[in-house]
Amino acid sequence: MFSFQKLEIYQLAKEIVKLNYKMTKKFPSDEKFALTQQMNRSAVSVPSNIAEGTSRSSNKERAHFINMAYGSLMELVCQVEISQELGYIEQGEQETFMKMSKNLSVKMSNYLRTMV
C-alpha cells in the first residue's frame, strides 16, 4: 500500500468520485460529452492530485497539489449545483454530495495546516 492510500482525505475523495459517477450515470445522453465528462474529470482530479502530491519531496510542492485538489473539488461543487438546478440531480443527492464535499474540504484545509 502506498502512503497516499492511507490518507483519510484520499479515501473521502474516492467516495465523492463514486457518488459523482452514480449521479452522472443518470444524466441525459446529450450531456455525455459536456457536463457529464467535465464532472467526471473534476471528480477524478481530486484524489489524483492528492496522490500525486504525496510523491513530492517538499511541503511546498505537496501543498500545491492539495490546493489543486481543493480547486477541483470546488469546481465539482459548482457543477453539481448547476446539475441539480437543471433537474439532472435530485435534491437529496445534492445534499449528500454537499455534506461529503464540506467534510472533505475541511479535512483538506486541516491537512494543509500540518505542512506549514
PDB file of N, CA and C in Angstrom:
ATOM      1  N   MET A   1       0.847  -1.178   0.000  1.00  0.00           N
ATOM      2  CA  MET A   1       0.000   0.000   0.000  1.00  0.00           C
ATOM      3  C   MET A   1       0.896   1.246   0.000  1.00  0.00           C
ATOM      4  N   PHE A   2       0.545   2.208  -0.840  1.00  0.00           N
ATOM      5  CA  PHE A   2       1.278   3.471  -0.891  1.00  0.00           C
ATOM      6  C   PHE A   2       0.779   4.382   0.221  1.00  0.00           C
ATOM      7  N   SER A   3       1.604   5.342   0.625  1.00  0.00           N
ATOM      8  CA  SER A   3       1.261   6.206   1.756  1.00  0.00           C
ATOM      9  C   SER A   3      -0.014   7.014   1.504  1.00  0.00           C
ATOM     10  N   PHE A   4      -0.234   7.466   0.264  1.00  0.00           N
ATOM     11  CA  PHE A   4      -1.428   8.266  -0.005  1.00  0.00           C
ATOM     12  C   PHE A   4      -2.712   7.469   0.190  1.00  0.00           C
ATOM     13  N   GLN A   5      -2.638   6.153   0.000  1.00  0.00           N
ATOM     14  CA  GLN A   5      -3.826   5.309   0.135  1.00  0.00           C
ATOM     15  C   GLN A   5      -4.307   5.224   1.581  1.00  0.00           C
ATOM     16  N   LYS A   6      -3.440   5.570   2.520  1.00  0.00           N
ATOM     17  CA  LYS A   6      -3.804   5.545   3.936  1.00  0.00           C
ATOM     18  C   LYS A   6      -4.434   6.856   4.389  1.00  0.00           C
ATOM     19  N   LEU A   7      -4.319   7.898   3.582  1.00  0.00           N
ATOM     20  CA  LEU A   7      -4.840   9.211   3.975  1.00  0.00           C
ATOM     21  C   LEU A   7      -6.363   9.241   3.954  1.00  0.00           C
ATOM     22  N   GLU A   8      -6.930   9.802   5.010  1.00  0.00           N
ATOM     23  CA  GLU A   8      -8.388   9.929   5.075  1.00  0.00           C
ATOM     24  C   GLU A   8      -8.909  10.811   3.951  1.00  0.00           C
ATOM     25  N   ILE A   9      -8.182  11.878   3.616  1.00  0.00           N
ATOM     26  CA  ILE A   9      -8.661  12.762   2.543  1.00  0.00           C
ATOM     27  C   ILE A   9      -8.701  12.039   1.205  1.00  0.00           C
ATOM     28  N   TYR A  10      -7.774  11.135   0.977  1.00  0.00           N
ATOM     29  CA  TYR A  10      -7.775  10.347  -0.257  1.00  0.00           C
ATOM     30  C   TYR A  10      -8.992   9.418  -0.285  1.00  0.00           C
ATOM     31  N   GLN A  11      -9.255   8.750   0.834  1.00  0.00           N
ATOM     32  CA  GLN A  11     -10.402   7.845   0.924  1.00  0.00           C
ATOM     33  C   GLN A  11     -11.725   8.591   0.728  1.00  0.00           C
ATOM     34  N   LEU A  12     -11.859   9.757   1.361  1.00  0.00           N
ATOM     35  CA  LEU A  12     -13.075  10.557   1.204  1.00  0.00           C
ATOM     36  C   LEU A  12     -13.233  11.043  -0.236  1.00  0.00           C
ATOM     37  N   ALA A  13     -12.128  11.425  -0.853  1.00  0.00           N
ATOM     38  CA  ALA A  13     -12.170  11.893  -2.246  1.00  0.00           C
ATOM     39  C   ALA A  13     -12.650  10.775  -3.172  1.00  0.00           C
ATOM     40  N   LYS A  14     -12.215   9.557  -2.925  1.00  0.00           N
ATOM     41  CA  LYS A  14     -12.676   8.431  -3.747  1.00  0.00           C
ATOM     42  C   LYS A  14     -14.169   8.189  -3.570  1.00  0.00           C
ATOM     43  N   GLU A  15     -14.680   8.380  -2.367  1.00  0.00           N
ATOM     44  CA  GLU A  15     -16.122   8.224  -2.134  1.00  0.00           C
ATOM     45  C   GLU A  15     -16.902   9.264  -2.931  1.00  0.00           C
ATOM     46  N   ILE A  16     -16.368  10.463  -3.028  1.00  0.00           N
ATOM     47  CA  ILE A  16     -17.013  11.510  -3.820  1.00  0.00           C
ATOM     48  C   ILE A  16     -16.993  11.139  -5.298  1.00  0.00           C
ATOM     49  N   VAL A  17     -15.902  10.554  -5.767  1.00  0.00           N
ATOM     50  CA  VAL A  17     -15.829  10.104  -7.166  1.00  0.00           C
ATOM     51  C   VAL A  17     -16.936   9.088  -7.443  1.00  0.00           C
ATOM     52  N   LYS A  18     -17.089   8.129  -6.548  1.00  0.00           N
ATOM     53  CA  LYS A  18     -18.113   7.089  -6.747  1.00  0.00           C
ATOM     54  C   LYS A  18     -19.513   7.689  -6.761  1.00  0.00           C
ATOM     55  N   LEU A  19     -19.776   8.619  -5.842  1.00  0.00           N
ATOM     56  CA  LEU A  19     -21.082   9.270  -5.818  1.00  0.00           C
ATOM     57  C   LEU A  19     -21.298  10.072  -7.094  1.00  0.00           C
ATOM     58  N   ASN A  20     -20.275  10.761  -7.548  1.00  0.00           N
ATOM     59  CA  ASN A  20     -20.387  11.546  -8.775  1.00  0.00           C
ATOM     60  C   ASN A  20     -20.731  10.657  -9.964  1.00  0.00           C
ATOM     61  N   TYR A  21     -20.039   9.545 -10.117  1.00  0.00           N
ATOM     62  CA  TYR A  21     -20.331   8.646 -11.237  1.00  0.00           C
ATOM     63  C   TYR A  21     -21.747   8.083 -11.147  1.00  0.00           C
ATOM     64  N   LYS A  22     -22.199   7.814  -9.930  1.00  0.00           N
ATOM     65  CA  LYS A  22     -23.572   7.330  -9.741  1.00  0.00           C
ATOM     66  C   LYS A  22     -24.569   8.398 -10.199  1.00  0.00           C
ATOM     67  N   MET A  23     -24.294   9.644  -9.852  1.00  0.00           N
ATOM     68  CA  MET A  23     -25.209  10.728 -10.231  1.00  0.00           C
ATOM     69  C   MET A  23     -25.170  10.987 -11.733  1.00  0.00           C
ATOM     70  N   THR A  24     -23.985  11.061 -12.320  1.00  0.00           N
ATOM     71  CA  THR A  24     -23.882  11.415 -13.736  1.00  0.00           C
ATOM     72  C   THR A  24     -24.357  10.296 -14.658  1.00  0.00           C
ATOM     73  N   LYS A  25     -24.404   9.080 -14.150  1.00  0.00           N
ATOM     74  CA  LYS A  25     -24.902   7.953 -14.951  1.00  0.00           C
ATOM     75  C   LYS A  25     -26.340   8.185 -15.408  1.00  0.00           C
ATOM     76  N   LYS A  26     -27.077   8.976 -14.635  1.00  0.00           N
ATOM     77  CA  LYS A  26     -28.493   9.228 -14.933  1.00  0.00           C
ATOM     78  C   LYS A  26     -28.710  10.476 -15.794  1.00  0.00           C
ATOM     79  N   PHE A  27     -27.656  11.165 -16.168  1.00  0.00           N
ATOM     80  CA  PHE A  27     -27.795  12.384 -16.959  1.00  0.00           C
ATOM     81  C   PHE A  27     -28.293  12.057 -18.359  1.00  0.00           C
ATOM     82  N   PRO A  28     -28.922  13.023 -19.027  1.00  0.00           N
ATOM     83  CA  PRO A  28     -29.366  12.796 -20.411  1.00  0.00           C
ATOM     84  C   PRO A  28     -28.172  12.493 -21.321  1.00  0.00           C
ATOM     85  N   SER A  29     -28.419  11.727 -22.351  1.00  0.00           N
ATOM     86  CA  SER A  29     -27.332  11.322 -23.252  1.00  0.00           C
ATOM     87  C   SER A  29     -26.685  12.503 -23.956  1.00  0.00           C
ATOM     88  N   ASP A  30     -27.428  13.594 -24.142  1.00  0.00           N
ATOM     89  CA  ASP A  30     -26.817  14.754 -24.814  1.00  0.00           C
ATOM     90  C   ASP A  30     -25.812  15.476 -23.918  1.00  0.00           C
ATOM     91  N   GLU A  31     -25.728  15.099 -22.655  1.00  0.00           N
ATOM     92  CA  GLU A  31     -24.717  15.658 -21.743  1.00  0.00           C
ATOM     93  C   GLU A  31     -23.468  14.782 -21.656  1.00  0.00           C
ATOM     94  N   LYS A  32     -23.458  13.660 -22.382  1.00  0.00           N
ATOM     95  CA  LYS A  32     -22.360  12.696 -22.278  1.00  0.00           C
ATOM     96  C   LYS A  32     -20.992  13.334 -22.526  1.00  0.00           C
ATOM     97  N   PHE A  33     -20.892  14.211 -23.490  1.00  0.00           N
ATOM     98  CA  PHE A  33     -19.608  14.816 -23.816  1.00  0.00           C
ATOM     99  C   PHE A  33     -19.522  16.265 -23.347  1.00  0.00           C
ATOM    100  N   ALA A  34     -20.431  16.639 -22.454  1.00  0.00           N
ATOM    101  CA  ALA A  34     -20.435  18.007 -21.935  1.00  0.00           C
ATOM    102  C   ALA A  34     -20.298  17.947 -20.413  1.00  0.00           C
ATOM    103  N   LEU A  35     -21.384  18.188 -19.724  1.00  0.00           N
ATOM    104  CA  LEU A  35     -21.359  18.276 -18.268  1.00  0.00           C
ATOM    105  C   LEU A  35     -20.924  16.961 -17.614  1.00  0.00           C
ATOM    106  N   THR A  36     -21.405  15.843 -18.111  1.00  0.00           N
ATOM    107  CA  THR A  36     -21.031  14.546 -17.537  1.00  0.00           C
ATOM    108  C   THR A  36     -19.516  14.357 -17.567  1.00  0.00           C
ATOM    109  N   GLN A  37     -18.930  14.573 -18.715  1.00  0.00           N
ATOM    110  CA  GLN A  37     -17.482  14.390 -18.871  1.00  0.00           C
ATOM    111  C   GLN A  37     -16.703  15.369 -17.992  1.00  0.00           C
ATOM    112  N   GLN A  38     -17.149  16.611 -17.937  1.00  0.00           N
ATOM    113  CA  GLN A  38     -16.464  17.621 -17.127  1.00  0.00           C
ATOM    114  C   GLN A  38     -16.537  17.277 -15.639  1.00  0.00           C
ATOM    115  N   MET A  39     -17.698  16.831 -15.194  1.00  0.00           N
ATOM    116  CA  MET A  39     -17.847  16.464 -13.785  1.00  0.00           C
ATOM    117  C   MET A  39     -16.993  15.249 -13.435  1.00  0.00           C
ATOM    118  N   ASN A  40     -16.945  14.282 -14.316  1.00  0.00           N
ATOM    119  CA  ASN A  40     -16.132  13.091 -14.057  1.00  0.00           C
ATOM    120  C   ASN A  40     -14.646  13.448 -13.987  1.00  0.00           C
ATOM    121  N   ARG A  41     -14.209  14.333 -14.865  1.00  0.00           N
ATOM    122  CA  ARG A  41     -12.806  14.774 -14.825  1.00  0.00           C
ATOM    123  C   ARG A  41     -12.503  15.529 -13.533  1.00  0.00           C
ATOM    124  N   SER A  42     -13.398  16.422 -13.151  1.00  0.00           N
ATOM    125  CA  SER A  42     -13.202  17.183 -11.912  1.00  0.00           C
ATOM    126  C   SER A  42     -13.141  16.248 -10.710  1.00  0.00           C
ATOM    127  N   ALA A  43     -14.072  15.299 -10.662  1.00  0.00           N
ATOM    128  CA  ALA A  43     -14.134  14.370  -9.533  1.00  0.00           C
ATOM    129  C   ALA A  43     -12.859  13.537  -9.421  1.00  0.00           C
ATOM    130  N   VAL A  44     -12.410  12.968 -10.518  1.00  0.00           N
ATOM    131  CA  VAL A  44     -11.221  12.110 -10.508  1.00  0.00           C
ATOM    132  C   VAL A  44      -9.959  12.923 -10.204  1.00  0.00           C
ATOM    133  N   SER A  45      -9.985  14.183 -10.552  1.00  0.00           N
ATOM    134  CA  SER A  45      -8.837  15.060 -10.301  1.00  0.00           C
ATOM    135  C   SER A  45      -8.556  15.234  -8.809  1.00  0.00           C
ATOM    136  N   VAL A  46      -9.587  15.157  -7.981  1.00  0.00           N
ATOM    137  CA  VAL A  46      -9.398  15.382  -6.545  1.00  0.00           C
ATOM    138  C   VAL A  46      -8.479  14.315  -5.936  1.00  0.00           C
ATOM    139  N   PRO A  47      -8.837  13.025  -5.957  1.00  0.00           N
ATOM    140  CA  PRO A  47      -7.925  12.035  -5.376  1.00  0.00           C
ATOM    141  C   PRO A  47      -6.624  11.899  -6.163  1.00  0.00           C
ATOM    142  N   SER A  48      -6.664  12.161  -7.456  1.00  0.00           N
ATOM    143  CA  SER A  48      -5.442  12.057  -8.257  1.00  0.00           C
ATOM    144  C   SER A  48      -4.406  13.077  -7.817  1.00  0.00           C
ATOM    145  N   ASN A  49      -4.840  14.306  -7.563  1.00  0.00           N
ATOM    146  CA  ASN A  49      -3.903  15.337  -7.099  1.00  0.00           C
ATOM    147  C   ASN A  49      -3.415  15.068  -5.686  1.00  0.00           C
ATOM    148  N   ILE A  50      -4.285  14.516  -4.847  1.00  0.00           N
ATOM    149  CA  ILE A  50      -3.843  14.129  -3.501  1.00  0.00           C
ATOM    150  C   ILE A  50      -2.750  13.068  -3.614  1.00  0.00           C
ATOM    151  N   ALA A  51      -2.981  12.073  -4.458  1.00  0.00           N
ATOM    152  CA  ALA A  51      -1.991  11.003  -4.644  1.00  0.00           C
ATOM    153  C   ALA A  51      -0.683  11.557  -5.198  1.00  0.00           C
ATOM    154  N   GLU A  52      -0.772  12.395  -6.223  1.00  0.00           N
ATOM    155  CA  GLU A  52       0.445  12.946  -6.825  1.00  0.00           C
ATOM    156  C   GLU A  52       1.207  13.812  -5.833  1.00  0.00           C
ATOM    157  N   GLY A  53       0.485  14.578  -5.033  1.00  0.00           N
ATOM    158  CA  GLY A  53       1.138  15.457  -4.072  1.00  0.00           C
ATOM    159  C   GLY A  53       1.971  14.719  -3.045  1.00  0.00           C
ATOM    160  N   THR A  54       1.523  13.538  -2.659  1.00  0.00           N
ATOM    161  CA  THR A  54       2.273  12.798  -1.636  1.00  0.00           C
ATOM    162  C   THR A  54       3.623  12.311  -2.155  1.00  0.00           C
ATOM    163  N   SER A  55       3.794  12.267  -3.459  1.00  0.00           N
ATOM    164  CA  SER A  55       5.062  11.794  -4.015  1.00  0.00           C
ATOM    165  C   SER A  55       6.103  12.911  -4.119  1.00  0.00           C
ATOM    166  N   ARG A  56       5.703  14.132  -3.834  1.00  0.00           N
ATOM    167  CA  ARG A  56       6.608  15.275  -3.957  1.00  0.00           C
ATOM    168  C   ARG A  56       7.524  15.379  -2.750  1.00  0.00           C
ATOM    169  N   SER A  57       8.690  15.955  -2.973  1.00  0.00           N
ATOM    170  CA  SER A  57       9.716  15.960  -1.929  1.00  0.00           C
ATOM    171  C   SER A  57       9.620  17.121  -0.944  1.00  0.00           C
ATOM    172  N   SER A  58       8.967  18.192  -1.309  1.00  0.00           N
ATOM    173  CA  SER A  58       8.895  19.342  -0.397  1.00  0.00           C
ATOM    174  C   SER A  58       7.456  19.617   0.022  1.00  0.00           C
ATOM    175  N   ASN A  59       7.314  20.228   1.191  1.00  0.00           N
ATOM    176  CA  ASN A  59       5.980  20.603   1.659  1.00  0.00           C
ATOM    177  C   ASN A  59       5.335  21.608   0.720  1.00  0.00           C
ATOM    178  N   LYS A  60       6.138  22.477   0.130  1.00  0.00           N
ATOM    179  CA  LYS A  60       5.597  23.469  -0.801  1.00  0.00           C
ATOM    180  C   LYS A  60       4.952  22.775  -1.996  1.00  0.00           C
ATOM    181  N   GLU A  61       5.628  21.772  -2.544  1.00  0.00           N
ATOM    182  CA  GLU A  61       5.070  21.023  -3.678  1.00  0.00           C
ATOM    183  C   GLU A  61       3.842  20.223  -3.263  1.00  0.00           C
ATOM    184  N   ARG A  62       3.910  19.580  -2.100  1.00  0.00           N
ATOM    185  CA  ARG A  62       2.768  18.801  -1.614  1.00  0.00           C
ATOM    186  C   ARG A  62       1.554  19.709  -1.431  1.00  0.00           C
ATOM    187  N   ALA A  63       1.784  20.876  -0.849  1.00  0.00           N
ATOM    188  CA  ALA A  63       0.691  21.831  -0.629  1.00  0.00           C
ATOM    189  C   ALA A  63       0.091  22.290  -1.959  1.00  0.00           C
ATOM    190  N   HIS A  64       0.941  22.474  -2.956  1.00  0.00           N
ATOM    191  CA  HIS A  64       0.455  22.883  -4.279  1.00  0.00           C
ATOM    192  C   HIS A  64      -0.565  21.875  -4.809  1.00  0.00           C
ATOM    193  N   PHE A  65      -0.281  20.592  -4.691  1.00  0.00           N
ATOM    194  CA  PHE A  65      -1.185  19.572  -5.220  1.00  0.00           C
ATOM    195  C   PHE A  65      -2.452  19.438  -4.377  1.00  0.00           C
ATOM    196  N   ILE A  66      -2.353  19.661  -3.069  1.00  0.00           N
ATOM    197  CA  ILE A  66      -3.562  19.659  -2.242  1.00  0.00           C
ATOM    198  C   ILE A  66      -4.440  20.842  -2.648  1.00  0.00           C
ATOM    199  N   ASN A  67      -3.811  21.980  -2.933  1.00  0.00           N
ATOM    200  CA  ASN A  67      -4.568  23.141  -3.400  1.00  0.00           C
ATOM    201  C   ASN A  67      -5.220  22.874  -4.754  1.00  0.00           C
ATOM    202  N   MET A  68      -4.537  22.160  -5.617  1.00  0.00           N
ATOM    203  CA  MET A  68      -5.121  21.783  -6.912  1.00  0.00           C
ATOM    204  C   MET A  68      -6.331  20.868  -6.688  1.00  0.00           C
ATOM    205  N   ALA A  69      -6.202  19.914  -5.780  1.00  0.00           N
ATOM    206  CA  ALA A  69      -7.307  19.007  -5.460  1.00  0.00           C
ATOM    207  C   ALA A  69      -8.490  19.801  -4.904  1.00  0.00           C
ATOM    208  N   TYR A  70      -8.194  20.775  -4.047  1.00  0.00           N
ATOM    209  CA  TYR A  70      -9.249  21.614  -3.475  1.00  0.00           C
ATOM    210  C   TYR A  70      -9.967  22.390  -4.582  1.00  0.00           C
ATOM    211  N   GLY A  71      -9.206  22.934  -5.514  1.00  0.00           N
ATOM    212  CA  GLY A  71      -9.794  23.659  -6.635  1.00  0.00           C
ATOM    213  C   GLY A  71     -10.694  22.770  -7.477  1.00  0.00           C
ATOM    214  N   SER A  72     -10.271  21.546  -7.721  1.00  0.00           N
ATOM    215  CA  SER A  72     -11.105  20.598  -8.475  1.00  0.00           C
ATOM    216  C   SER A  72     -12.383  20.267  -7.712  1.00  0.00           C
ATOM    217  N   LEU A  73     -12.271  20.153  -6.397  1.00  0.00           N
ATOM    218  CA  LEU A  73     -13.461  19.884  -5.586  1.00  0.00           C
ATOM    219  C   LEU A  73     -14.448  21.045  -5.684  1.00  0.00           C
ATOM    220  N   MET A  74     -13.954  22.272  -5.628  1.00  0.00           N
ATOM    221  CA  MET A  74     -14.835  23.439  -5.727  1.00  0.00           C
ATOM    222  C   MET A  74     -15.471  23.532  -7.114  1.00  0.00           C
ATOM    223  N   GLU A  75     -14.714  23.155  -8.132  1.00  0.00           N
ATOM    224  CA  GLU A  75     -15.259  23.107  -9.490  1.00  0.00           C
ATOM    225  C   GLU A  75     -16.414  22.108  -9.549  1.00  0.00           C
ATOM    226  N   LEU A  76     -16.227  20.959  -8.922  1.00  0.00           N
ATOM    227  CA  LEU A  76     -17.258  19.923  -8.905  1.00  0.00           C
ATOM    228  C   LEU A  76     -18.485  20.379  -8.112  1.00  0.00           C
ATOM    229  N   VAL A  77     -18.272  21.083  -7.020  1.00  0.00           N
ATOM    230  CA  VAL A  77     -19.394  21.621  -6.240  1.00  0.00           C
ATOM    231  C   VAL A  77     -20.259  22.510  -7.132  1.00  0.00           C
ATOM    232  N   CYS A  78     -19.621  23.371  -7.894  1.00  0.00           N
ATOM    233  CA  CYS A  78     -20.334  24.250  -8.824  1.00  0.00           C
ATOM    234  C   CYS A  78     -21.117  23.437  -9.849  1.00  0.00           C
ATOM    235  N   GLN A  79     -20.498  22.430 -10.410  1.00  0.00           N
ATOM    236  CA  GLN A  79     -21.126  21.619 -11.444  1.00  0.00           C
ATOM    237  C   GLN A  79     -22.306  20.817 -10.895  1.00  0.00           C
ATOM    238  N   VAL A  80     -22.190  20.335  -9.669  1.00  0.00           N
ATOM    239  CA  VAL A  80     -23.299  19.604  -9.048  1.00  0.00           C
ATOM    240  C   VAL A  80     -24.469  20.551  -8.805  1.00  0.00           C
ATOM    241  N   GLU A  81     -24.158  21.753  -8.360  1.00  0.00           N
ATOM    242  CA  GLU A  81     -25.214  22.737  -8.133  1.00  0.00           C
ATOM    243  C   GLU A  81     -25.957  23.044  -9.442  1.00  0.00           C
ATOM    244  N   ILE A  82     -25.222  23.247 -10.506  1.00  0.00           N
ATOM    245  CA  ILE A  82     -25.829  23.509 -11.816  1.00  0.00           C
ATOM    246  C   ILE A  82     -26.663  22.309 -12.260  1.00  0.00           C
ATOM    247  N   SER A  83     -26.130  21.114 -12.083  1.00  0.00           N
ATOM    248  CA  SER A  83     -26.837  19.893 -12.476  1.00  0.00           C
ATOM    249  C   SER A  83     -28.153  19.740 -11.731  1.00  0.00           C
ATOM    250  N   GLN A  84     -28.144  20.084 -10.459  1.00  0.00           N
ATOM    251  CA  GLN A  84     -29.381  19.999  -9.678  1.00  0.00           C
ATOM    252  C   GLN A  84     -30.387  21.032 -10.178  1.00  0.00           C
ATOM    253  N   GLU A  85     -29.914  22.236 -10.484  1.00  0.00           N
ATOM    254  CA  GLU A  85     -30.806  23.280 -10.989  1.00  0.00           C
ATOM    255  C   GLU A  85     -31.377  22.919 -12.362  1.00  0.00           C
ATOM    256  N   LEU A  86     -30.645  22.134 -13.139  1.00  0.00           N
ATOM    257  CA  LEU A  86     -31.133  21.678 -14.442  1.00  0.00           C
ATOM    258  C   LEU A  86     -32.065  20.471 -14.322  1.00  0.00           C
ATOM    259  N   GLY A  87     -32.182  19.936 -13.119  1.00  0.00           N
ATOM    260  CA  GLY A  87     -33.062  18.799 -12.899  1.00  0.00           C
ATOM    261  C   GLY A  87     -32.409  17.452 -13.139  1.00  0.00           C
ATOM    262  N   TYR A  88     -31.075  17.416 -13.261  1.00  0.00           N
ATOM    263  CA  TYR A  88     -30.369  16.156 -13.504  1.00  0.00           C
ATOM    264  C   TYR A  88     -30.090  15.392 -12.210  1.00  0.00           C
ATOM    265  N   ILE A  89     -30.021  16.117 -11.107  1.00  0.00           N
ATOM    266  CA  ILE A  89     -29.688  15.528  -9.809  1.00  0.00           C
ATOM    267  C   ILE A  89     -30.816  15.858  -8.843  1.00  0.00           C
ATOM    268  N   GLU A  90     -31.227  14.877  -8.063  1.00  0.00           N
ATOM    269  CA  GLU A  90     -32.270  15.093  -7.070  1.00  0.00           C
ATOM    270  C   GLU A  90     -31.713  15.867  -5.877  1.00  0.00           C
ATOM    271  N   GLN A  91     -32.586  16.571  -5.192  1.00  0.00           N
ATOM    272  CA  GLN A  91     -32.195  17.398  -4.044  1.00  0.00           C
ATOM    273  C   GLN A  91     -31.434  16.581  -2.999  1.00  0.00           C
ATOM    274  N   GLY A  92     -31.918  15.391  -2.706  1.00  0.00           N
ATOM    275  CA  GLY A  92     -31.270  14.539  -1.708  1.00  0.00           C
ATOM    276  C   GLY A  92     -29.850  14.159  -2.098  1.00  0.00           C
ATOM    277  N   GLU A  93     -29.649  13.867  -3.381  1.00  0.00           N
ATOM    278  CA  GLU A  93     -28.304  13.536  -3.859  1.00  0.00           C
ATOM    279  C   GLU A  93     -27.376  14.734  -3.711  1.00  0.00           C
ATOM    280  N   GLN A  94     -27.889  15.904  -4.057  1.00  0.00           N
ATOM    281  CA  GLN A  94     -27.067  17.109  -3.941  1.00  0.00           C
ATOM    282  C   GLN A  94     -26.706  17.358  -2.476  1.00  0.00           C
ATOM    283  N   GLU A  95     -27.659  17.188  -1.575  1.00  0.00           N
ATOM    284  CA  GLU A  95     -27.399  17.411  -0.159  1.00  0.00           C
ATOM    285  C   GLU A  95     -26.337  16.447   0.361  1.00  0.00           C
ATOM    286  N   THR A  96     -26.438  15.192  -0.028  1.00  0.00           N
ATOM    287  CA  THR A  96     -25.430  14.200   0.368  1.00  0.00           C
ATOM    288  C   THR A  96     -24.061  14.596  -0.168  1.00  0.00           C
ATOM    289  N   PHE A  97     -24.018  14.963  -1.446  1.00  0.00           N
ATOM    290  CA  PHE A  97     -22.771  15.377  -2.063  1.00  0.00           C
ATOM    291  C   PHE A  97     -22.179  16.586  -1.340  1.00  0.00           C
ATOM    292  N   MET A  98     -23.009  17.578  -1.034  1.00  0.00           N
ATOM    293  CA  MET A  98     -22.525  18.803  -0.391  1.00  0.00           C
ATOM    294  C   MET A  98     -21.968  18.514   1.001  1.00  0.00           C
ATOM    295  N   LYS A  99     -22.624  17.640   1.753  1.00  0.00           N
ATOM    296  CA  LYS A  99     -22.111  17.267   3.083  1.00  0.00           C
ATOM    297  C   LYS A  99     -20.753  16.592   2.962  1.00  0.00           C
ATOM    298  N   MET A 100     -20.641  15.675   2.022  1.00  0.00           N
ATOM    299  CA  MET A 100     -19.372  14.974   1.821  1.00  0.00           C
ATOM    300  C   MET A 100     -18.280  15.951   1.378  1.00  0.00           C
ATOM    301  N   SER A 101     -18.637  16.871   0.508  1.00  0.00           N
ATOM    302  CA  SER A 101     -17.666  17.843  -0.009  1.00  0.00           C
ATOM    303  C   SER A 101     -17.213  18.805   1.073  1.00  0.00           C
ATOM    304  N   LYS A 102     -18.149  19.244   1.902  1.00  0.00           N
ATOM    305  CA  LYS A 102     -17.796  20.148   3.001  1.00  0.00           C
ATOM    306  C   LYS A 102     -16.855  19.442   3.968  1.00  0.00           C
ATOM    307  N   ASN A 103     -17.170  18.208   4.310  1.00  0.00           N
ATOM    308  CA  ASN A 103     -16.320  17.420   5.198  1.00  0.00           C
ATOM    309  C   ASN A 103     -14.912  17.280   4.612  1.00  0.00           C
ATOM    310  N   LEU A 104     -14.832  16.929   3.341  1.00  0.00           N
ATOM    311  CA  LEU A 104     -13.536  16.771   2.697  1.00  0.00           C
ATOM    312  C   LEU A 104     -12.783  18.094   2.644  1.00  0.00           C
ATOM    313  N   SER A 105     -13.452  19.178   2.328  1.00  0.00           N
ATOM    314  CA  SER A 105     -12.763  20.466   2.214  1.00  0.00           C
ATOM    315  C   SER A 105     -12.165  20.890   3.559  1.00  0.00           C
ATOM    316  N   VAL A 106     -12.883  20.645   4.644  1.00  0.00           N
ATOM    317  CA  VAL A 106     -12.363  20.972   5.975  1.00  0.00           C
ATOM    318  C   VAL A 106     -11.135  20.117   6.285  1.00  0.00           C
ATOM    319  N   LYS A 107     -11.229  18.835   5.998  1.00  0.00           N
ATOM    320  CA  LYS A 107     -10.105  17.935   6.270  1.00  0.00           C
ATOM    321  C   LYS A 107      -8.887  18.259   5.400  1.00  0.00           C
ATOM    322  N   MET A 108      -9.133  18.682   4.163  1.00  0.00           N
ATOM    323  CA  MET A 108      -8.019  19.079   3.298  1.00  0.00           C
ATOM    324  C   MET A 108      -7.355  20.341   3.840  1.00  0.00           C
ATOM    325  N   SER A 109      -8.143  21.282   4.332  1.00  0.00           N
ATOM    326  CA  SER A 109      -7.594  22.509   4.924  1.00  0.00           C
ATOM    327  C   SER A 109      -6.768  22.172   6.166  1.00  0.00           C
ATOM    328  N   ASN A 110      -7.277  21.278   6.985  1.00  0.00           N
ATOM    329  CA  ASN A 110      -6.536  20.849   8.171  1.00  0.00           C
ATOM    330  C   ASN A 110      -5.235  20.152   7.788  1.00  0.00           C
ATOM    331  N   TYR A 111      -5.301  19.328   6.764  1.00  0.00           N
ATOM    332  CA  TYR A 111      -4.098  18.627   6.289  1.00  0.00           C
ATOM    333  C   TYR A 111      -3.052  19.626   5.796  1.00  0.00           C
ATOM    334  N   LEU A 112      -3.515  20.648   5.082  1.00  0.00           N
ATOM    335  CA  LEU A 112      -2.594  21.697   4.612  1.00  0.00           C
ATOM    336  C   LEU A 112      -1.905  22.391   5.773  1.00  0.00           C
ATOM    337  N   ARG A 113      -2.637  22.634   6.841  1.00  0.00           N
ATOM    338  CA  ARG A 113      -2.056  23.313   8.011  1.00  0.00           C
ATOM    339  C   ARG A 113      -0.932  22.507   8.628  1.00  0.00           C
ATOM    340  N   THR A 114      -0.970  21.192   8.495  1.00  0.00           N
ATOM    341  CA  THR A 114       0.105  20.373   9.065  1.00  0.00           C
ATOM    342  C   THR A 114       1.409  20.495   8.284  1.00  0.00           C
ATOM    343  N   MET A 115       1.328  21.059   7.086  1.00  0.00           N
ATOM    344  CA  MET A 115       2.518  21.179   6.240  1.00  0.00           C
ATOM    345  C   MET A 115       3.290  22.467   6.477  1.00  0.00           C
ATOM    346  N   VAL A 116       2.669  23.434   7.136  1.00  0.00           N
ATOM    347  CA  VAL A 116       3.348  24.738   7.310  1.00  0.00           C
ATOM    348  C   VAL A 116       3.936  24.904   8.684  1.00  0.00           C
TER     349      VAL A 116
END
